[in-house]
Amino acid sequence: MSKDTRKLAILAAAVAEANQHGYQQVTREGIAQRADCAPGLVSFYFGTMVCMKRSIMSEAIRTRQLRIVAQGIADGHPKAKRVPDDLKREALQALMGVA
């Protein structure tokens, strides 16, 4: 697998982990297990968990992963706080289970 492909696979696994377990509960080990790689590769491609979570939030915003975006807004994540108002509204409604 190429480096770019591996990095994208790890990011996809990280977003899936955040969707399943919650943004704040994401761990390097959980991401690695889901991506079928060693935890060290998560660190190699994304550095610290702070950097990994920034990448997760950026990807969640880009792909409109409403649950993750809402958790970021609730946690005061800088990137989540800057999303457009319509995305904020959708994300918070999704978190509250409002259609």
PDB file of N, CA and C in Angstrom:
ATOM      1  N   MET A   1       0.855  -1.177   0.000  1.00  0.00           N
ATOM      2  CA  MET A   1       0.000   0.000   0.000  1.00  0.00           C
ATOM      3  C   MET A   1       0.901   1.240   0.000  1.00  0.00           C
ATOM      4  N   SER A   2       0.566   2.210  -0.843  1.00  0.00           N
ATOM      5  CA  SER A   2       1.376   3.432  -0.904  1.00  0.00           C
ATOM      6  C   SER A   2       1.192   4.244   0.382  1.00  0.00           C
ATOM      7  N   LYS A   3       2.121   5.158   0.616  1.00  0.00           N
ATOM      8  CA  LYS A   3       2.046   5.997   1.818  1.00  0.00           C
ATOM      9  C   LYS A   3       0.765   6.826   1.837  1.00  0.00           C
ATOM     10  N   ASP A   4       0.404   7.401   0.702  1.00  0.00           N
ATOM     11  CA  ASP A   4      -0.813   8.214   0.638  1.00  0.00           C
ATOM     12  C   ASP A   4      -2.060   7.369   0.905  1.00  0.00           C
ATOM     13  N   THR A   5      -2.085   6.185   0.324  1.00  0.00           N
ATOM     14  CA  THR A   5      -3.221   5.287   0.529  1.00  0.00           C
ATOM     15  C   THR A   5      -3.314   4.859   1.984  1.00  0.00           C
ATOM     16  N   ARG A   6      -2.188   4.540   2.602  1.00  0.00           N
ATOM     17  CA  ARG A   6      -2.169   4.131   4.008  1.00  0.00           C
ATOM     18  C   ARG A   6      -2.640   5.273   4.899  1.00  0.00           C
ATOM     19  N   LYS A   7      -2.165   6.484   4.625  1.00  0.00           N
ATOM     20  CA  LYS A   7      -2.579   7.630   5.436  1.00  0.00           C
ATOM     21  C   LYS A   7      -4.088   7.853   5.328  1.00  0.00           C
ATOM     22  N   LEU A   8      -4.628   7.770   4.124  1.00  0.00           N
ATOM     23  CA  LEU A   8      -6.071   7.929   3.936  1.00  0.00           C
ATOM     24  C   LEU A   8      -6.856   6.827   4.637  1.00  0.00           C
ATOM     25  N   ALA A   9      -6.331   5.608   4.614  1.00  0.00           N
ATOM     26  CA  ALA A   9      -6.994   4.481   5.285  1.00  0.00           C
ATOM     27  C   ALA A   9      -7.012   4.693   6.802  1.00  0.00           C
ATOM     28  N   ILE A  10      -5.919   5.200   7.342  1.00  0.00           N
ATOM     29  CA  ILE A  10      -5.856   5.473   8.784  1.00  0.00           C
ATOM     30  C   ILE A  10      -6.835   6.591   9.147  1.00  0.00           C
ATOM     31  N   LEU A  11      -6.900   7.630   8.331  1.00  0.00           N
ATOM     32  CA  LEU A  11      -7.838   8.721   8.597  1.00  0.00           C
ATOM     33  C   LEU A  11      -9.283   8.226   8.526  1.00  0.00           C
ATOM     34  N   ALA A  12      -9.587   7.404   7.539  1.00  0.00           N
ATOM     35  CA  ALA A  12     -10.942   6.840   7.430  1.00  0.00           C
ATOM     36  C   ALA A  12     -11.267   5.991   8.659  1.00  0.00           C
ATOM     37  N   ALA A  13     -10.301   5.226   9.123  1.00  0.00           N
ATOM     38  CA  ALA A  13     -10.495   4.418  10.327  1.00  0.00           C
ATOM     39  C   ALA A  13     -10.716   5.315  11.546  1.00  0.00           C
ATOM     40  N   ALA A  14      -9.996   6.403  11.620  1.00  0.00           N
ATOM     41  CA  ALA A  14     -10.130   7.333  12.742  1.00  0.00           C
ATOM     42  C   ALA A  14     -11.518   7.968  12.761  1.00  0.00           C
ATOM     43  N   VAL A  15     -12.013   8.356  11.599  1.00  0.00           N
ATOM     44  CA  VAL A  15     -13.353   8.944  11.517  1.00  0.00           C
ATOM     45  C   VAL A  15     -14.403   7.898  11.904  1.00  0.00           C
ATOM     46  N   ALA A  16     -14.225   6.677  11.443  1.00  0.00           N
ATOM     47  CA  ALA A  16     -15.160   5.598  11.804  1.00  0.00           C
ATOM     48  C   ALA A  16     -15.140   5.350  13.315  1.00  0.00           C
ATOM     49  N   GLU A  17     -13.966   5.375  13.912  1.00  0.00           N
ATOM     50  CA  GLU A  17     -13.860   5.209  15.370  1.00  0.00           C
ATOM     51  C   GLU A  17     -14.580   6.345  16.098  1.00  0.00           C
ATOM     52  N   ALA A  18     -14.387   7.559  15.615  1.00  0.00           N
ATOM     53  CA  ALA A  18     -15.044   8.709  16.247  1.00  0.00           C
ATOM     54  C   ALA A  18     -16.558   8.612  16.111  1.00  0.00           C
ATOM     55  N   ASN A  19     -17.039   8.141  14.981  1.00  0.00           N
ATOM     56  CA  ASN A  19     -18.481   7.957  14.801  1.00  0.00           C
ATOM     57  C   ASN A  19     -19.020   6.883  15.727  1.00  0.00           C
ATOM     58  N   GLN A  20     -18.279   5.820  15.890  1.00  0.00           N
ATOM     59  CA  GLN A  20     -18.757   4.700  16.703  1.00  0.00           C
ATOM     60  C   GLN A  20     -18.615   4.936  18.202  1.00  0.00           C
ATOM     61  N   HIS A  21     -17.470   5.481  18.614  1.00  0.00           N
ATOM     62  CA  HIS A  21     -17.169   5.569  20.047  1.00  0.00           C
ATOM     63  C   HIS A  21     -17.214   6.988  20.610  1.00  0.00           C
ATOM     64  N   GLY A  22     -17.310   7.979  19.740  1.00  0.00           N
ATOM     65  CA  GLY A  22     -17.288   9.366  20.194  1.00  0.00           C
ATOM     66  C   GLY A  22     -15.929   9.995  19.948  1.00  0.00           C
ATOM     67  N   TYR A  23     -15.963  11.240  19.569  1.00  0.00           N
ATOM     68  CA  TYR A  23     -14.750  11.976  19.204  1.00  0.00           C
ATOM     69  C   TYR A  23     -13.718  11.989  20.335  1.00  0.00           C
ATOM     70  N   GLN A  24     -14.154  12.229  21.558  1.00  0.00           N
ATOM     71  CA  GLN A  24     -13.215  12.321  22.679  1.00  0.00           C
ATOM     72  C   GLN A  24     -12.678  10.965  23.119  1.00  0.00           C
ATOM     73  N   GLN A  25     -13.344   9.883  22.731  1.00  0.00           N
ATOM     74  CA  GLN A  25     -12.922   8.550  23.157  1.00  0.00           C
ATOM     75  C   GLN A  25     -12.004   7.858  22.150  1.00  0.00           C
ATOM     76  N   VAL A  26     -11.687   8.505  21.061  1.00  0.00           N
ATOM     77  CA  VAL A  26     -10.817   7.911  20.051  1.00  0.00           C
ATOM     78  C   VAL A  26      -9.427   7.677  20.639  1.00  0.00           C
ATOM     79  N   THR A  27      -8.885   6.481  20.379  1.00  0.00           N
ATOM     80  CA  THR A  27      -7.530   6.167  20.832  1.00  0.00           C
ATOM     81  C   THR A  27      -6.666   5.732  19.651  1.00  0.00           C
ATOM     82  N   ARG A  28      -5.395   5.899  19.822  1.00  0.00           N
ATOM     83  CA  ARG A  28      -4.435   5.461  18.811  1.00  0.00           C
ATOM     84  C   ARG A  28      -4.588   3.965  18.556  1.00  0.00           C
ATOM     85  N   GLU A  29      -4.770   3.205  19.622  1.00  0.00           N
ATOM     86  CA  GLU A  29      -4.880   1.756  19.501  1.00  0.00           C
ATOM     87  C   GLU A  29      -6.159   1.358  18.760  1.00  0.00           C
ATOM     88  N   GLY A  30      -7.259   2.037  19.060  1.00  0.00           N
ATOM     89  CA  GLY A  30      -8.514   1.751  18.376  1.00  0.00           C
ATOM     90  C   GLY A  30      -8.442   2.061  16.893  1.00  0.00           C
ATOM     91  N   ILE A  31      -7.818   3.182  16.579  1.00  0.00           N
ATOM     92  CA  ILE A  31      -7.641   3.559  15.177  1.00  0.00           C
ATOM     93  C   ILE A  31      -6.779   2.519  14.470  1.00  0.00           C
ATOM     94  N   ALA A  32      -5.672   2.151  15.098  1.00  0.00           N
ATOM     95  CA  ALA A  32      -4.749   1.184  14.493  1.00  0.00           C
ATOM     96  C   ALA A  32      -5.427  -0.154  14.270  1.00  0.00           C
ATOM     97  N   GLN A  33      -6.201  -0.599  15.241  1.00  0.00           N
ATOM     98  CA  GLN A  33      -6.889  -1.874  15.093  1.00  0.00           C
ATOM     99  C   GLN A  33      -7.861  -1.813  13.920  1.00  0.00           C
ATOM    100  N   ARG A  34      -8.633  -0.750  13.836  1.00  0.00           N
ATOM    101  CA  ARG A  34      -9.598  -0.607  12.751  1.00  0.00           C
ATOM    102  C   ARG A  34      -8.899  -0.479  11.396  1.00  0.00           C
ATOM    103  N   ALA A  35      -7.735   0.177  11.367  1.00  0.00           N
ATOM    104  CA  ALA A  35      -6.992   0.369  10.118  1.00  0.00           C
ATOM    105  C   ALA A  35      -6.098  -0.820   9.788  1.00  0.00           C
ATOM    106  N   ASP A  36      -6.052  -1.791  10.689  1.00  0.00           N
ATOM    107  CA  ASP A  36      -5.212  -2.980  10.511  1.00  0.00           C
ATOM    108  C   ASP A  36      -3.743  -2.601  10.319  1.00  0.00           C
ATOM    109  N   CYS A  37      -3.273  -1.785  11.278  1.00  0.00           N
ATOM    110  CA  CYS A  37      -1.874  -1.381  11.257  1.00  0.00           C
ATOM    111  C   CYS A  37      -1.383  -1.261  12.695  1.00  0.00           C
ATOM    112  N   ALA A  38      -0.125  -1.019  12.855  1.00  0.00           N
ATOM    113  CA  ALA A  38       0.457  -0.823  14.185  1.00  0.00           C
ATOM    114  C   ALA A  38       0.153   0.589  14.686  1.00  0.00           C
ATOM    115  N   PRO A  39      -0.028   0.765  16.008  1.00  0.00           N
ATOM    116  CA  PRO A  39      -0.251   2.107  16.549  1.00  0.00           C
ATOM    117  C   PRO A  39       0.847   3.091  16.165  1.00  0.00           C
ATOM    118  N   GLY A  40       2.057   2.586  16.006  1.00  0.00           N
ATOM    119  CA  GLY A  40       3.156   3.458  15.604  1.00  0.00           C
ATOM    120  C   GLY A  40       2.938   4.111  14.252  1.00  0.00           C
ATOM    121  N   LEU A  41       2.214   3.438  13.357  1.00  0.00           N
ATOM    122  CA  LEU A  41       1.931   4.039  12.056  1.00  0.00           C
ATOM    123  C   LEU A  41       0.955   5.202  12.175  1.00  0.00           C
ATOM    124  N   VAL A  42       0.035   5.101  13.109  1.00  0.00           N
ATOM    125  CA  VAL A  42      -0.878   6.223  13.353  1.00  0.00           C
ATOM    126  C   VAL A  42      -0.050   7.436  13.768  1.00  0.00           C
ATOM    127  N   SER A  43       0.884   7.225  14.678  1.00  0.00           N
ATOM    128  CA  SER A  43       1.767   8.308  15.124  1.00  0.00           C
ATOM    129  C   SER A  43       2.660   8.800  13.993  1.00  0.00           C
ATOM    130  N   PHE A  44       3.170   7.891  13.186  1.00  0.00           N
ATOM    131  CA  PHE A  44       4.047   8.258  12.073  1.00  0.00           C
ATOM    132  C   PHE A  44       3.345   9.224  11.120  1.00  0.00           C
ATOM    133  N   TYR A  45       2.103   8.912  10.784  1.00  0.00           N
ATOM    134  CA  TYR A  45       1.380   9.731   9.809  1.00  0.00           C
ATOM    135  C   TYR A  45       0.708  10.959  10.408  1.00  0.00           C
ATOM    136  N   PHE A  46       0.316  10.900  11.679  1.00  0.00           N
ATOM    137  CA  PHE A  46      -0.468  11.992  12.245  1.00  0.00           C
ATOM    138  C   PHE A  46       0.143  12.630  13.480  1.00  0.00           C
ATOM    139  N   GLY A  47       1.258  12.114  13.968  1.00  0.00           N
ATOM    140  CA  GLY A  47       1.906  12.712  15.133  1.00  0.00           C
ATOM    141  C   GLY A  47       1.147  12.427  16.411  1.00  0.00           C
ATOM    142  N   THR A  48       0.928  13.455  17.187  1.00  0.00           N
ATOM    143  CA  THR A  48       0.251  13.305  18.473  1.00  0.00           C
ATOM    144  C   THR A  48      -1.247  13.074  18.292  1.00  0.00           C
ATOM    145  N   MET A  49      -1.914  12.682  19.355  1.00  0.00           N
ATOM    146  CA  MET A  49      -3.366  12.524  19.287  1.00  0.00           C
ATOM    147  C   MET A  49      -4.053  13.875  19.087  1.00  0.00           C
ATOM    148  N   VAL A  50      -3.449  14.949  19.544  1.00  0.00           N
ATOM    149  CA  VAL A  50      -4.010  16.281  19.282  1.00  0.00           C
ATOM    150  C   VAL A  50      -4.029  16.523  17.772  1.00  0.00           C
ATOM    151  N   CYS A  51      -2.933  16.207  17.107  1.00  0.00           N
ATOM    152  CA  CYS A  51      -2.872  16.359  15.650  1.00  0.00           C
ATOM    153  C   CYS A  51      -3.839  15.409  14.963  1.00  0.00           C
ATOM    154  N   MET A  52      -3.934  14.182  15.471  1.00  0.00           N
ATOM    155  CA  MET A  52      -4.857  13.206  14.894  1.00  0.00           C
ATOM    156  C   MET A  52      -6.278  13.719  15.002  1.00  0.00           C
ATOM    157  N   LYS A  53      -6.654  14.261  16.155  1.00  0.00           N
ATOM    158  CA  LYS A  53      -8.015  14.752  16.349  1.00  0.00           C
ATOM    159  C   LYS A  53      -8.295  15.978  15.479  1.00  0.00           C
ATOM    160  N   ARG A  54      -7.295  16.801  15.235  1.00  0.00           N
ATOM    161  CA  ARG A  54      -7.477  17.919  14.296  1.00  0.00           C
ATOM    162  C   ARG A  54      -7.803  17.388  12.908  1.00  0.00           C
ATOM    163  N   SER A  55      -7.086  16.344  12.515  1.00  0.00           N
ATOM    164  CA  SER A  55      -7.323  15.739  11.203  1.00  0.00           C
ATOM    165  C   SER A  55      -8.705  15.099  11.133  1.00  0.00           C
ATOM    166  N   ILE A  56      -9.106  14.438  12.212  1.00  0.00           N
ATOM    167  CA  ILE A  56     -10.441  13.843  12.261  1.00  0.00           C
ATOM    168  C   ILE A  56     -11.492  14.935  12.097  1.00  0.00           C
ATOM    169  N   MET A  57     -11.344  16.035  12.823  1.00  0.00           N
ATOM    170  CA  MET A  57     -12.333  17.105  12.754  1.00  0.00           C
ATOM    171  C   MET A  57     -12.357  17.722  11.365  1.00  0.00           C
ATOM    172  N   SER A  58     -11.216  17.940  10.771  1.00  0.00           N
ATOM    173  CA  SER A  58     -11.183  18.498   9.412  1.00  0.00           C
ATOM    174  C   SER A  58     -11.902  17.588   8.430  1.00  0.00           C
ATOM    175  N   GLU A  59     -11.647  16.292   8.544  1.00  0.00           N
ATOM    176  CA  GLU A  59     -12.287  15.328   7.653  1.00  0.00           C
ATOM    177  C   GLU A  59     -13.789  15.240   7.942  1.00  0.00           C
ATOM    178  N   ALA A  60     -14.164  15.300   9.194  1.00  0.00           N
ATOM    179  CA  ALA A  60     -15.587  15.259   9.561  1.00  0.00           C
ATOM    180  C   ALA A  60     -16.325  16.466   8.996  1.00  0.00           C
ATOM    181  N   ILE A  61     -15.697  17.613   9.045  1.00  0.00           N
ATOM    182  CA  ILE A  61     -16.305  18.823   8.485  1.00  0.00           C
ATOM    183  C   ILE A  61     -16.407  18.683   6.964  1.00  0.00           C
ATOM    184  N   ARG A  62     -15.341  18.239   6.348  1.00  0.00           N
ATOM    185  CA  ARG A  62     -15.316  18.098   4.884  1.00  0.00           C
ATOM    186  C   ARG A  62     -16.375  17.124   4.386  1.00  0.00           C
ATOM    187  N   THR A  63     -16.581  16.039   5.124  1.00  0.00           N
ATOM    188  CA  THR A  63     -17.504  14.986   4.689  1.00  0.00           C
ATOM    189  C   THR A  63     -18.859  15.058   5.411  1.00  0.00           C
ATOM    190  N   ARG A  64     -19.055  16.109   6.182  1.00  0.00           N
ATOM    191  CA  ARG A  64     -20.325  16.350   6.885  1.00  0.00           C
ATOM    192  C   ARG A  64     -20.706  15.187   7.807  1.00  0.00           C
ATOM    193  N   GLN A  65     -19.754  14.766   8.609  1.00  0.00           N
ATOM    194  CA  GLN A  65     -20.007  13.756   9.637  1.00  0.00           C
ATOM    195  C   GLN A  65     -20.609  14.501  10.825  1.00  0.00           C
ATOM    196  N   LEU A  66     -21.925  14.612  10.809  1.00  0.00           N
ATOM    197  CA  LEU A  66     -22.631  15.518  11.720  1.00  0.00           C
ATOM    198  C   LEU A  66     -22.399  15.207  13.191  1.00  0.00           C
ATOM    199  N   ARG A  67     -22.361  13.949  13.543  1.00  0.00           N
ATOM    200  CA  ARG A  67     -22.169  13.577  14.955  1.00  0.00           C
ATOM    201  C   ARG A  67     -20.814  14.069  15.468  1.00  0.00           C
ATOM    202  N   ILE A  68     -19.793  13.892  14.673  1.00  0.00           N
ATOM    203  CA  ILE A  68     -18.446  14.329  15.074  1.00  0.00           C
ATOM    204  C   ILE A  68     -18.383  15.849  15.132  1.00  0.00           C
ATOM    205  N   VAL A  69     -18.937  16.513  14.134  1.00  0.00           N
ATOM    206  CA  VAL A  69     -18.935  17.978  14.116  1.00  0.00           C
ATOM    207  C   VAL A  69     -19.658  18.514  15.354  1.00  0.00           C
ATOM    208  N   ALA A  70     -20.806  17.923  15.680  1.00  0.00           N
ATOM    209  CA  ALA A  70     -21.555  18.374  16.857  1.00  0.00           C
ATOM    210  C   ALA A  70     -20.747  18.190  18.136  1.00  0.00           C
ATOM    211  N   GLN A  71     -20.054  17.075  18.247  1.00  0.00           N
ATOM    212  CA  GLN A  71     -19.216  16.856  19.429  1.00  0.00           C
ATOM    213  C   GLN A  71     -18.096  17.889  19.484  1.00  0.00           C
ATOM    214  N   GLY A  72     -17.545  18.218  18.331  1.00  0.00           N
ATOM    215  CA  GLY A  72     -16.510  19.248  18.283  1.00  0.00           C
ATOM    216  C   GLY A  72     -17.040  20.608  18.710  1.00  0.00           C
ATOM    217  N   ILE A  73     -18.239  20.937  18.257  1.00  0.00           N
ATOM    218  CA  ILE A  73     -18.856  22.202  18.656  1.00  0.00           C
ATOM    219  C   ILE A  73     -19.064  22.211  20.166  1.00  0.00           C
ATOM    220  N   ALA A  74     -19.622  21.124  20.687  1.00  0.00           N
ATOM    221  CA  ALA A  74     -19.887  21.033  22.127  1.00  0.00           C
ATOM    222  C   ALA A  74     -18.599  21.119  22.950  1.00  0.00           C
ATOM    223  N   ASP A  75     -17.510  20.579  22.399  1.00  0.00           N
ATOM    224  CA  ASP A  75     -16.220  20.602  23.106  1.00  0.00           C
ATOM    225  C   ASP A  75     -15.439  21.893  22.879  1.00  0.00           C
ATOM    226  N   GLY A  76     -15.954  22.767  22.011  1.00  0.00           N
ATOM    227  CA  GLY A  76     -15.260  24.020  21.727  1.00  0.00           C
ATOM    228  C   GLY A  76     -14.069  23.872  20.800  1.00  0.00           C
ATOM    229  N   HIS A  77     -14.076  22.831  19.967  1.00  0.00           N
ATOM    230  CA  HIS A  77     -12.979  22.635  19.025  1.00  0.00           C
ATOM    231  C   HIS A  77     -12.932  23.827  18.061  1.00  0.00           C
ATOM    232  N   PRO A  78     -11.769  24.454  17.898  1.00  0.00           N
ATOM    233  CA  PRO A  78     -11.674  25.663  17.074  1.00  0.00           C
ATOM    234  C   PRO A  78     -12.193  25.482  15.638  1.00  0.00           C
ATOM    235  N   LYS A  79     -11.883  24.368  15.007  1.00  0.00           N
ATOM    236  CA  LYS A  79     -12.351  24.149  13.636  1.00  0.00           C
ATOM    237  C   LYS A  79     -13.863  23.975  13.595  1.00  0.00           C
ATOM    238  N   ALA A  80     -14.415  23.263  14.547  1.00  0.00           N
ATOM    239  CA  ALA A  80     -15.861  23.048  14.582  1.00  0.00           C
ATOM    240  C   ALA A  80     -16.597  24.354  14.855  1.00  0.00           C
ATOM    241  N   LYS A  81     -16.012  25.210  15.669  1.00  0.00           N
ATOM    242  CA  LYS A  81     -16.654  26.483  15.984  1.00  0.00           C
ATOM    243  C   LYS A  81     -16.731  27.399  14.771  1.00  0.00           C
ATOM    244  N   ARG A  82     -15.866  27.166  13.770  1.00  0.00           N
ATOM    245  CA  ARG A  82     -15.825  28.036  12.590  1.00  0.00           C
ATOM    246  C   ARG A  82     -16.641  27.512  11.406  1.00  0.00           C
ATOM    247  N   VAL A  83     -17.347  26.398  11.569  1.00  0.00           N
ATOM    248  CA  VAL A  83     -18.121  25.881  10.440  1.00  0.00           C
ATOM    249  C   VAL A  83     -19.296  26.811  10.158  1.00  0.00           C
ATOM    250  N   PRO A  84     -19.808  26.773   8.927  1.00  0.00           N
ATOM    251  CA  PRO A  84     -20.963  27.629   8.592  1.00  0.00           C
ATOM    252  C   PRO A  84     -22.162  27.328   9.490  1.00  0.00           C
ATOM    253  N   ASP A  85     -22.990  28.334   9.682  1.00  0.00           N
ATOM    254  CA  ASP A  85     -24.137  28.205  10.579  1.00  0.00           C
ATOM    255  C   ASP A  85     -25.067  27.064  10.197  1.00  0.00           C
ATOM    256  N   ASP A  86     -25.269  26.836   8.901  1.00  0.00           N
ATOM    257  CA  ASP A  86     -26.176  25.757   8.497  1.00  0.00           C
ATOM    258  C   ASP A  86     -25.631  24.392   8.919  1.00  0.00           C
ATOM    259  N   LEU A  87     -24.307  24.203   8.814  1.00  0.00           N
ATOM    260  CA  LEU A  87     -23.702  22.943   9.241  1.00  0.00           C
ATOM    261  C   LEU A  87     -23.770  22.804  10.760  1.00  0.00           C
ATOM    262  N   LYS A  88     -23.554  23.898  11.480  1.00  0.00           N
ATOM    263  CA  LYS A  88     -23.689  23.868  12.944  1.00  0.00           C
ATOM    264  C   LYS A  88     -25.097  23.431  13.332  1.00  0.00           C
ATOM    265  N   ARG A  89     -26.076  24.026  12.702  1.00  0.00           N
ATOM    266  CA  ARG A  89     -27.464  23.710  13.017  1.00  0.00           C
ATOM    267  C   ARG A  89     -27.768  22.238  12.731  1.00  0.00           C
ATOM    268  N   GLU A  90     -27.373  21.752  11.559  1.00  0.00           N
ATOM    269  CA  GLU A  90     -27.590  20.347  11.198  1.00  0.00           C
ATOM    270  C   GLU A  90     -26.899  19.404  12.181  1.00  0.00           C
ATOM    271  N   ALA A  91     -25.666  19.738  12.518  1.00  0.00           N
ATOM    272  CA  ALA A  91     -24.882  18.880  13.411  1.00  0.00           C
ATOM    273  C   ALA A  91     -25.508  18.808  14.799  1.00  0.00           C
ATOM    274  N   LEU A  92     -25.906  19.940  15.327  1.00  0.00           N
ATOM    275  CA  LEU A  92     -26.494  19.955  16.663  1.00  0.00           C
ATOM    276  C   LEU A  92     -27.857  19.260  16.670  1.00  0.00           C
ATOM    277  N   GLN A  93     -28.616  19.410  15.604  1.00  0.00           N
ATOM    278  CA  GLN A  93     -29.890  18.698  15.496  1.00  0.00           C
ATOM    279  C   GLN A  93     -29.653  17.186  15.431  1.00  0.00           C
ATOM    280  N   ALA A  94     -28.647  16.777  14.696  1.00  0.00           N
ATOM    281  CA  ALA A  94     -28.323  15.352  14.606  1.00  0.00           C
ATOM    282  C   ALA A  94     -27.912  14.805  15.971  1.00  0.00           C
ATOM    283  N   LEU A  95     -27.150  15.563  16.721  1.00  0.00           N
ATOM    284  CA  LEU A  95     -26.707  15.129  18.038  1.00  0.00           C
ATOM    285  C   LEU A  95     -27.887  14.989  18.996  1.00  0.00           C
ATOM    286  N   MET A  96     -28.861  15.871  18.850  1.00  0.00           N
ATOM    287  CA  MET A  96     -30.033  15.836  19.732  1.00  0.00           C
ATOM    288  C   MET A  96     -31.105  14.887  19.219  1.00  0.00           C
ATOM    289  N   GLY A  97     -30.895  14.333  18.025  1.00  0.00           N
ATOM    290  CA  GLY A  97     -31.871  13.399  17.460  1.00  0.00           C
ATOM    291  C   GLY A  97     -33.074  14.097  16.866  1.00  0.00           C
ATOM    292  N   VAL A  98     -32.920  15.369  16.503  1.00  0.00           N
ATOM    293  CA  VAL A  98     -34.006  16.133  15.883  1.00  0.00           C
ATOM    294  C   VAL A  98     -33.861  16.033  14.382  1.00  0.00           C
ATOM    295  N   ALA A  99     -34.956  15.751  13.703  1.00  0.00           N
ATOM    296  CA  ALA A  99     -34.906  15.636  12.234  1.00  0.00           C
ATOM    297  C   ALA A  99     -34.962  16.991  11.585  1.00  0.00           C
TER     298      ALA A  99
END
